[in-house]
Amino acid sequence: MPDQTARRLGATLTSLFVAALVLLFLSRVASILILLFISILLGVYFSAFTDDLVRRTRLRRSLALTLAVIITLVGIVGIGWLIVPAVVAQTQDFLAALPENAQHLESQLLRLAQKYPLLEGALGPEGGGLLESLLSGASQFVQQSLLPYLRAGTAIAIESIAVLAMALYFARDSSVYRDGLIAIFPPRVRHIVRAVQADLGETMRAWIWAQLLSMLVLSILTAIGLLLLRVPYWLAFGVFTGIVGIVPFFGTLVSTVLPALFILTIGGWSYAIAVTALGIGVHLVGSNVVQPLIFERRLSVPPLLTILSILMAGALLGVLGILVAVPLLACVLVVVRHVLLTYIYGDDDPRVFESAVLVGTTGTRRAVAMTPE
């Protein structure tokens, strides 16, 4: 008995030591793992695009993949050629006028504090306490997480090429990597791995297409609305809204508040409220009307977990972590549902974690087969 206890203690200590080494290794290569995840997302996009072209044109997969890449590049270059010069010009003008607009905004806040004494503590004795702290915090976060990364131009080029290459290899022979991953698991659990892979593939496709559509809709509707309201720099604000829309909740908040604060400096409170109402309306229409109409299935993730994942990813991994927080959370939830709830706990109730994966517009979810081999 003492020998058996000693062996169990040794096995436990060894397992803890190995787990600690794995965690240390993962912490050292976290940025590389993020790049790998981004390449997988890009590969899923190219794979879905290629599958659609093969189904419609009957081309060989290699030719269809080449065509998908060409169409994507032409689309990016075309959109860039149409709007980038105007967006750059408007952004430069906006940044040049930013100090003056900040002074106007501070004056507005001072008058508001004089009207409502309760706000004086939040705004500071000179009216800029809250505004300065927010701007300082945002600036410090960007400098610590993004600017050092952007300074390494050569590293960015190499990593971008690596991400694109990995994505194309994955899209060309995705079955090779899927089958290879399944093969390393014991036969008795391969049906679980296969189910997880199928669900992850559907989830990532849904997120990618829904995200692209959402960004496009947000940009167009915001730009048109701001143009009708005669807001300066309407195109720059519209593009900015689409870009930051990749981050749920926080992107919506920033893209709504920023133009409202700007317009407050030149148009007053009623004008700012109108711009805020426009931002809220655009995001509500994009998420609750456009996506369900276009897509039969959408990705639904619990809002509380979404916010927590973004905060944690931002604290641990910086800006890149924020960008991949939501799809990474969706992947984690899929794995938890299949492995922990279904396989370990044996819970076959389809309502469990239903809101964490793909949900149809009617509220039903397609089940993934999990029959053992």
Protein backbone atom coordinates (compact mmCIF):
# COMPACT_ATOMS: atom_id res chain seq x y z
CA MET A 1 0.00 0.00 0.00
CA PRO A 2 2.75 2.55 0.80
CA ASP A 3 4.37 1.75 -2.55
CA GLN A 4 1.07 2.33 -4.35
CA THR A 5 0.57 5.63 -2.56
CA ALA A 6 4.11 6.70 -3.44
CA ARG A 7 3.53 5.82 -7.10
CA ARG A 8 0.31 7.83 -7.18
CA LEU A 9 2.04 10.79 -5.55
CA GLY A 10 4.90 10.54 -8.05
CA ALA A 11 2.46 10.34 -10.97
CA THR A 12 0.57 13.38 -9.66
CA LEU A 13 3.73 15.43 -9.21
CA THR A 14 4.95 14.41 -12.66
CA SER A 15 1.61 15.41 -14.21
CA LEU A 16 1.71 18.78 -12.46
CA PHE A 17 5.29 19.34 -13.61
CA VAL A 18 4.42 18.47 -17.22
CA ALA A 19 1.33 20.71 -17.07
CA ALA A 20 3.46 23.58 -15.76
CA LEU A 21 5.95 23.10 -18.60
CA VAL A 22 3.12 23.07 -21.15
CA LEU A 23 1.66 26.28 -19.71
CA LEU A 24 5.08 27.93 -19.73
CA PHE A 25 5.63 26.88 -23.33
CA LEU A 26 2.22 28.18 -24.39
CA SER A 27 2.86 31.51 -22.68
CA ARG A 28 6.13 31.91 -24.58
CA VAL A 29 4.58 31.13 -27.98
CA ALA A 30 1.22 32.86 -27.41
CA SER A 31 1.79 35.36 -30.25
CA ILE A 32 2.67 32.54 -32.66
CA LEU A 33 -0.47 30.64 -31.65
CA ILE A 34 -2.54 33.77 -32.37
CA LEU A 35 -0.99 33.98 -35.84
CA LEU A 36 -1.79 30.30 -36.35
CA PHE A 37 -5.38 30.90 -35.31
CA ILE A 38 -5.65 33.87 -37.69
CA SER A 39 -4.25 31.76 -40.52
CA ILE A 40 -6.83 29.06 -39.76
CA LEU A 41 -9.62 31.65 -39.90
CA LEU A 42 -8.29 32.93 -43.21
CA GLY A 43 -7.93 29.35 -44.43
CA VAL A 44 -11.54 28.62 -43.49
CA TYR A 45 -12.61 31.66 -45.52
CA PHE A 46 -10.65 30.57 -48.59
CA SER A 47 -11.84 26.99 -48.15
CA ALA A 48 -15.50 28.05 -47.99
CA PHE A 49 -15.06 30.35 -50.98
CA THR A 50 -13.31 27.57 -52.91
CA ASP A 51 -16.00 25.01 -52.07
CA ASP A 52 -18.66 27.41 -53.35
CA LEU A 53 -16.76 27.97 -56.60
CA VAL A 54 -16.26 24.22 -57.09
CA ARG A 55 -19.95 23.62 -56.54
CA ARG A 56 -20.98 26.33 -59.00
CA THR A 57 -18.33 25.97 -61.73
CA ARG A 58 -17.13 22.32 -61.41
CA LEU A 59 -13.53 23.52 -61.53
CA ARG A 60 -10.68 21.56 -59.98
CA ARG A 61 -10.07 22.59 -56.42
CA SER A 62 -6.62 24.03 -57.11
CA LEU A 63 -8.01 26.26 -59.88
CA ALA A 64 -10.98 27.25 -57.75
CA LEU A 65 -8.67 28.21 -54.87
CA THR A 66 -6.55 30.33 -57.22
CA LEU A 67 -9.69 32.03 -58.50
CA ALA A 68 -10.90 32.64 -54.94
CA VAL A 69 -7.59 34.31 -54.03
CA ILE A 70 -7.64 36.45 -57.19
CA ILE A 71 -11.24 37.56 -56.61
CA THR A 72 -10.44 38.43 -53.01
CA LEU A 73 -7.35 40.43 -53.92
CA VAL A 74 -9.16 42.25 -56.74
CA GLY A 75 -11.99 43.10 -54.36
CA ILE A 76 -9.60 44.43 -51.71
CA VAL A 77 -7.58 46.44 -54.22
CA GLY A 78 -10.73 47.78 -55.89
CA ILE A 79 -12.30 48.91 -52.64
CA GLY A 80 -8.98 50.38 -51.54
CA TRP A 81 -8.63 52.30 -54.82
CA LEU A 82 -12.14 53.72 -54.48
CA ILE A 83 -12.20 54.81 -50.85
CA VAL A 84 -8.70 54.75 -49.33
CA PRO A 85 -7.55 58.15 -50.72
CA ALA A 86 -10.72 59.87 -49.49
CA VAL A 87 -10.57 58.11 -46.12
CA VAL A 88 -6.90 59.02 -45.66
CA ALA A 89 -7.58 62.66 -46.55
CA GLN A 90 -10.55 62.89 -44.17
CA THR A 91 -8.62 61.15 -41.40
CA GLN A 92 -5.70 63.55 -41.76
CA ASP A 93 -8.06 66.52 -41.61
CA PHE A 94 -9.78 65.07 -38.57
CA LEU A 95 -6.49 64.50 -36.73
CA ALA A 96 -5.33 68.01 -37.61
CA ALA A 97 -8.51 69.49 -36.14
CA LEU A 98 -8.47 67.19 -33.10
CA PRO A 99 -6.70 69.56 -30.64
CA GLU A 100 -9.13 72.38 -31.36
CA ASN A 101 -12.11 70.02 -31.12
CA ALA A 102 -10.79 68.67 -27.80
CA GLN A 103 -10.71 72.21 -26.41
CA HIS A 104 -14.28 72.81 -27.55
CA LEU A 105 -15.34 69.55 -25.95
CA GLU A 106 -13.66 70.49 -22.70
CA SER A 107 -15.56 73.80 -22.72
CA GLN A 108 -18.82 71.91 -23.23
CA LEU A 109 -18.01 69.63 -20.30
CA LEU A 110 -17.13 72.59 -18.11
CA ARG A 111 -20.47 74.25 -18.80
CA LEU A 112 -22.20 70.93 -18.09
CA ALA A 113 -20.33 70.62 -14.77
CA GLN A 114 -21.36 74.15 -13.78
CA LYS A 115 -24.98 73.23 -14.48
CA TYR A 116 -24.83 69.91 -12.62
CA PRO A 117 -22.41 70.07 -9.66
CA LEU A 118 -22.50 66.29 -9.25
CA LEU A 119 -20.46 65.97 -12.45
CA GLU A 120 -17.72 68.31 -11.26
CA GLY A 121 -15.88 65.55 -9.40
CA ALA A 122 -15.88 63.24 -12.41
CA LEU A 123 -14.81 65.92 -14.84
CA GLY A 124 -12.08 67.31 -12.60
CA PRO A 125 -11.46 70.83 -11.38
CA GLU A 126 -10.51 72.02 -14.84
CA GLY A 127 -13.12 70.02 -16.72
CA GLY A 128 -10.80 67.52 -18.26
CA GLY A 129 -10.44 64.88 -15.56
CA LEU A 130 -12.67 62.18 -17.02
CA LEU A 131 -11.81 62.94 -20.64
CA GLU A 132 -8.09 63.04 -19.96
CA SER A 133 -8.16 59.77 -18.03
CA LEU A 134 -10.07 57.99 -20.80
CA LEU A 135 -7.80 59.29 -23.53
CA SER A 136 -4.70 58.57 -21.46
CA GLY A 137 -5.82 55.01 -20.73
CA ALA A 138 -6.65 54.30 -24.38
CA SER A 139 -3.39 55.81 -25.56
CA GLN A 140 -1.35 53.85 -23.03
CA PHE A 141 -3.04 50.57 -24.01
CA VAL A 142 -2.34 51.13 -27.71
CA GLN A 143 1.26 52.11 -27.07
CA GLN A 144 1.95 49.09 -24.87
CA SER A 145 0.22 46.47 -27.03
CA LEU A 146 0.28 47.67 -30.64
CA LEU A 147 2.96 50.29 -31.28
CA PRO A 148 5.95 48.10 -30.33
CA TYR A 149 4.58 45.45 -32.67
CA LEU A 150 4.10 47.95 -35.52
CA ARG A 151 7.67 49.20 -35.24
CA ALA A 152 8.99 45.80 -36.32
CA GLY A 153 8.22 46.25 -40.02
CA THR A 154 10.26 43.29 -41.18
CA ALA A 155 8.67 40.98 -38.63
CA ILE A 156 5.19 42.09 -39.71
CA ALA A 157 6.00 41.37 -43.36
CA ILE A 158 7.40 37.92 -42.55
CA GLU A 159 4.48 37.05 -40.28
CA SER A 160 1.92 38.29 -42.82
CA ILE A 161 3.46 36.14 -45.54
CA ALA A 162 3.58 33.18 -43.16
CA VAL A 163 -0.08 33.61 -42.19
CA LEU A 164 -1.15 33.84 -45.84
CA ALA A 165 0.95 30.81 -46.81
CA MET A 166 -0.43 28.70 -43.95
CA ALA A 167 -3.97 29.77 -44.83
CA LEU A 168 -3.55 28.76 -48.47
CA TYR A 169 -2.01 25.41 -47.58
CA PHE A 170 -4.84 24.76 -45.15
CA ALA A 171 -7.49 25.73 -47.71
CA ARG A 172 -5.90 23.56 -50.41
CA ASP A 173 -5.55 20.37 -48.36
CA SER A 174 -7.72 20.91 -45.29
CA SER A 175 -8.67 17.21 -45.14
CA VAL A 176 -5.01 16.27 -44.66
CA TYR A 177 -4.75 18.34 -41.50
CA ARG A 178 -8.17 17.27 -40.21
CA ASP A 179 -7.40 13.59 -40.72
CA GLY A 180 -3.95 14.01 -39.19
CA LEU A 181 -5.42 15.60 -36.09
CA ILE A 182 -7.97 12.82 -35.74
CA ALA A 183 -5.28 10.15 -36.14
CA ILE A 184 -3.32 11.26 -33.07
CA PHE A 185 -6.29 10.54 -30.78
CA PRO A 186 -7.24 7.04 -29.55
CA PRO A 187 -9.84 5.30 -31.74
CA ARG A 188 -12.41 5.29 -28.94
CA VAL A 189 -12.63 9.10 -28.90
CA ARG A 190 -12.18 9.85 -32.59
CA HIS A 191 -15.91 10.28 -33.10
CA ILE A 192 -15.76 13.11 -30.54
CA VAL A 193 -12.86 14.77 -32.37
CA ARG A 194 -14.68 14.39 -35.68
CA ALA A 195 -17.83 15.99 -34.24
CA VAL A 196 -15.81 18.84 -32.72
CA GLN A 197 -14.06 19.46 -36.05
CA ALA A 198 -17.34 19.53 -37.97
CA ASP A 199 -18.91 21.93 -35.48
CA LEU A 200 -15.83 24.15 -35.38
CA GLY A 201 -15.79 24.35 -39.18
CA GLU A 202 -19.41 25.43 -39.33
CA THR A 203 -18.95 27.86 -36.47
CA MET A 204 -15.92 29.54 -38.04
CA ARG A 205 -17.60 29.81 -41.44
CA ALA A 206 -20.64 31.41 -39.83
CA TRP A 207 -18.48 33.87 -37.88
CA ILE A 208 -16.37 34.88 -40.87
CA TRP A 209 -19.23 35.53 -43.28
CA ALA A 210 -21.39 37.16 -40.62
CA GLN A 211 -18.47 39.38 -39.58
CA LEU A 212 -17.66 40.45 -43.14
CA LEU A 213 -21.29 41.25 -43.84
CA SER A 214 -21.67 43.08 -40.54
CA MET A 215 -18.59 45.23 -41.18
CA LEU A 216 -19.79 46.10 -44.68
CA VAL A 217 -23.33 46.93 -43.55
CA LEU A 218 -22.11 49.00 -40.61
CA SER A 219 -19.74 50.98 -42.83
CA ILE A 220 -22.32 51.71 -45.53
CA LEU A 221 -25.23 52.55 -43.24
CA THR A 222 -23.09 54.72 -40.95
CA ALA A 223 -21.51 56.61 -43.84
CA ILE A 224 -24.89 57.25 -45.49
CA GLY A 225 -26.48 58.32 -42.20
CA LEU A 226 -23.65 60.68 -41.30
CA LEU A 227 -23.71 62.13 -44.82
CA LEU A 228 -27.44 62.81 -44.53
CA LEU A 229 -26.82 64.45 -41.14
CA ARG A 230 -24.07 66.54 -42.78
CA VAL A 231 -21.41 65.33 -40.38
CA PRO A 232 -17.84 66.18 -41.48
CA TYR A 233 -15.52 63.25 -42.20
CA TRP A 234 -18.54 60.99 -42.75
CA LEU A 235 -16.62 58.52 -44.91
CA ALA A 236 -13.76 58.18 -42.42
CA PHE A 237 -16.21 57.60 -39.57
CA GLY A 238 -18.12 55.06 -41.68
CA VAL A 239 -15.02 53.02 -42.47
CA PHE A 240 -13.86 53.28 -38.86
CA THR A 241 -17.23 51.93 -37.69
CA GLY A 242 -16.91 48.91 -39.97
CA ILE A 243 -13.35 48.16 -38.84
CA VAL A 244 -13.97 48.36 -35.10
CA GLY A 245 -17.19 46.38 -35.55
CA ILE A 246 -15.03 43.25 -35.41
CA VAL A 247 -14.97 43.77 -31.62
CA PRO A 248 -18.51 43.31 -30.23
CA PHE A 249 -19.86 45.79 -27.69
CA PHE A 250 -16.64 47.81 -27.37
CA GLY A 251 -16.44 48.45 -31.12
CA THR A 252 -20.08 49.53 -31.12
CA LEU A 253 -19.48 51.80 -28.13
CA VAL A 254 -16.39 53.48 -29.59
CA SER A 255 -17.83 53.92 -33.10
CA THR A 256 -20.98 55.50 -31.65
CA VAL A 257 -19.39 57.76 -29.04
CA LEU A 258 -16.48 59.09 -31.11
CA PRO A 259 -18.50 60.85 -33.86
CA ALA A 260 -21.02 62.00 -31.23
CA LEU A 261 -18.27 63.64 -29.17
CA PHE A 262 -16.83 65.22 -32.30
CA ILE A 263 -20.16 66.62 -33.44
CA LEU A 264 -20.80 67.90 -29.91
CA THR A 265 -17.95 70.36 -30.39
CA ILE A 266 -19.49 71.93 -33.49
CA GLY A 267 -23.23 71.21 -33.40
CA GLY A 268 -24.36 71.07 -29.79
CA TRP A 269 -26.17 68.47 -27.74
CA SER A 270 -29.16 67.92 -30.04
CA TYR A 271 -26.86 67.20 -32.97
CA ALA A 272 -24.77 64.81 -30.85
CA ILE A 273 -27.89 62.97 -29.66
CA ALA A 274 -29.00 62.55 -33.29
CA VAL A 275 -25.60 61.08 -34.23
CA THR A 276 -25.72 58.77 -31.19
CA ALA A 277 -29.22 57.60 -32.13
CA LEU A 278 -27.97 56.93 -35.65
CA GLY A 279 -25.09 54.79 -34.35
CA ILE A 280 -27.36 52.76 -32.07
CA GLY A 281 -29.94 52.29 -34.82
CA VAL A 282 -27.35 51.18 -37.37
CA HIS A 283 -25.91 48.55 -35.04
CA LEU A 284 -29.37 47.27 -34.10
CA VAL A 285 -30.38 46.96 -37.75
CA GLY A 286 -27.11 45.27 -38.68
CA SER A 287 -27.23 42.64 -35.94
CA ASN A 288 -30.97 41.95 -35.71
CA VAL A 289 -32.31 42.51 -39.24
CA VAL A 290 -29.63 42.23 -41.92
CA GLN A 291 -27.75 39.17 -40.69
CA PRO A 292 -30.83 36.99 -40.00
CA LEU A 293 -32.23 37.91 -43.42
CA ILE A 294 -29.04 37.02 -45.29
CA PHE A 295 -27.93 34.01 -43.29
CA GLU A 296 -29.99 30.97 -42.46
CA ARG A 297 -27.73 30.37 -39.50
CA ARG A 298 -25.87 32.81 -37.29
CA LEU A 299 -23.32 32.63 -34.52
CA SER A 300 -24.72 33.36 -31.10
CA VAL A 301 -22.40 33.71 -28.11
CA PRO A 302 -23.55 34.74 -24.61
CA PRO A 303 -22.91 38.52 -24.25
CA LEU A 304 -21.40 38.23 -20.77
CA LEU A 305 -18.84 35.68 -21.95
CA THR A 306 -18.12 37.85 -24.99
CA ILE A 307 -17.27 40.89 -22.88
CA LEU A 308 -15.17 38.83 -20.47
CA SER A 309 -13.26 37.16 -23.31
CA ILE A 310 -12.45 40.52 -24.90
CA LEU A 311 -11.24 41.98 -21.59
CA MET A 312 -9.11 38.92 -20.80
CA ALA A 313 -7.68 38.68 -24.33
CA GLY A 314 -6.84 42.38 -24.30
CA ALA A 315 -5.11 42.12 -20.92
CA LEU A 316 -3.12 39.01 -21.86
CA LEU A 317 -2.44 39.44 -25.57
CA GLY A 318 -3.06 43.08 -26.46
CA VAL A 319 -4.81 44.29 -29.60
CA LEU A 320 -4.33 41.03 -31.52
CA GLY A 321 -5.98 39.16 -28.67
CA ILE A 322 -9.00 41.46 -28.84
CA LEU A 323 -9.39 40.79 -32.57
CA VAL A 324 -9.55 37.01 -32.14
CA ALA A 325 -11.32 36.92 -28.77
CA VAL A 326 -14.82 36.18 -30.07
CA PRO A 327 -14.00 33.38 -32.56
CA LEU A 328 -11.64 31.86 -30.00
CA LEU A 329 -14.39 31.94 -27.39
CA ALA A 330 -16.78 30.27 -29.83
CA CYS A 331 -14.24 27.50 -30.42
CA VAL A 332 -13.78 26.99 -26.67
CA LEU A 333 -17.54 26.75 -26.17
CA VAL A 334 -17.88 24.20 -28.95
CA VAL A 335 -15.15 22.04 -27.40
CA VAL A 336 -16.68 22.37 -23.93
CA ARG A 337 -20.11 21.37 -25.19
CA HIS A 338 -18.88 18.30 -27.06
CA VAL A 339 -16.14 17.08 -24.72
CA LEU A 340 -17.18 18.13 -21.22
CA LEU A 341 -20.97 18.20 -21.38
CA THR A 342 -21.70 15.47 -23.91
CA TYR A 343 -18.78 13.05 -23.60
CA ILE A 344 -17.75 13.35 -19.95
CA TYR A 345 -21.07 14.28 -18.33
CA GLY A 346 -23.16 12.34 -20.85
CA ASP A 347 -25.70 15.14 -21.23
CA ASP A 348 -27.48 14.70 -24.56
CA ASP A 349 -29.95 17.53 -24.02
CA PRO A 350 -29.71 19.66 -27.21
CA ARG A 351 -30.68 22.78 -25.26
CA VAL A 352 -27.43 22.68 -23.27
CA PHE A 353 -25.08 25.40 -24.51
CA GLU A 354 -27.33 25.84 -27.54
CA SER A 355 -26.75 29.58 -27.51
CA ALA A 356 -22.99 29.07 -27.60
CA VAL A 357 -22.83 27.66 -31.10
CA LEU A 358 -24.63 27.92 -34.43
CA VAL A 359 -28.27 28.85 -34.05
CA GLY A 360 -30.76 29.05 -36.89
CA THR A 361 -33.04 32.04 -37.36
CA THR A 362 -35.93 29.91 -36.13
CA GLY A 363 -34.02 29.02 -32.96
CA THR A 364 -33.22 25.45 -33.97
CA ARG A 365 -29.79 23.96 -34.23
CA ARG A 366 -28.57 21.21 -36.52
CA ALA A 367 -27.15 18.33 -34.53
CA VAL A 368 -23.72 16.93 -35.31
CA ALA A 369 -23.49 13.18 -35.39
CA MET A 370 -21.40 11.71 -32.59
CA THR A 371 -21.65 8.00 -33.29
CA PRO A 372 -18.60 6.06 -32.09
CA GLU A 373 -16.56 4.13 -34.60
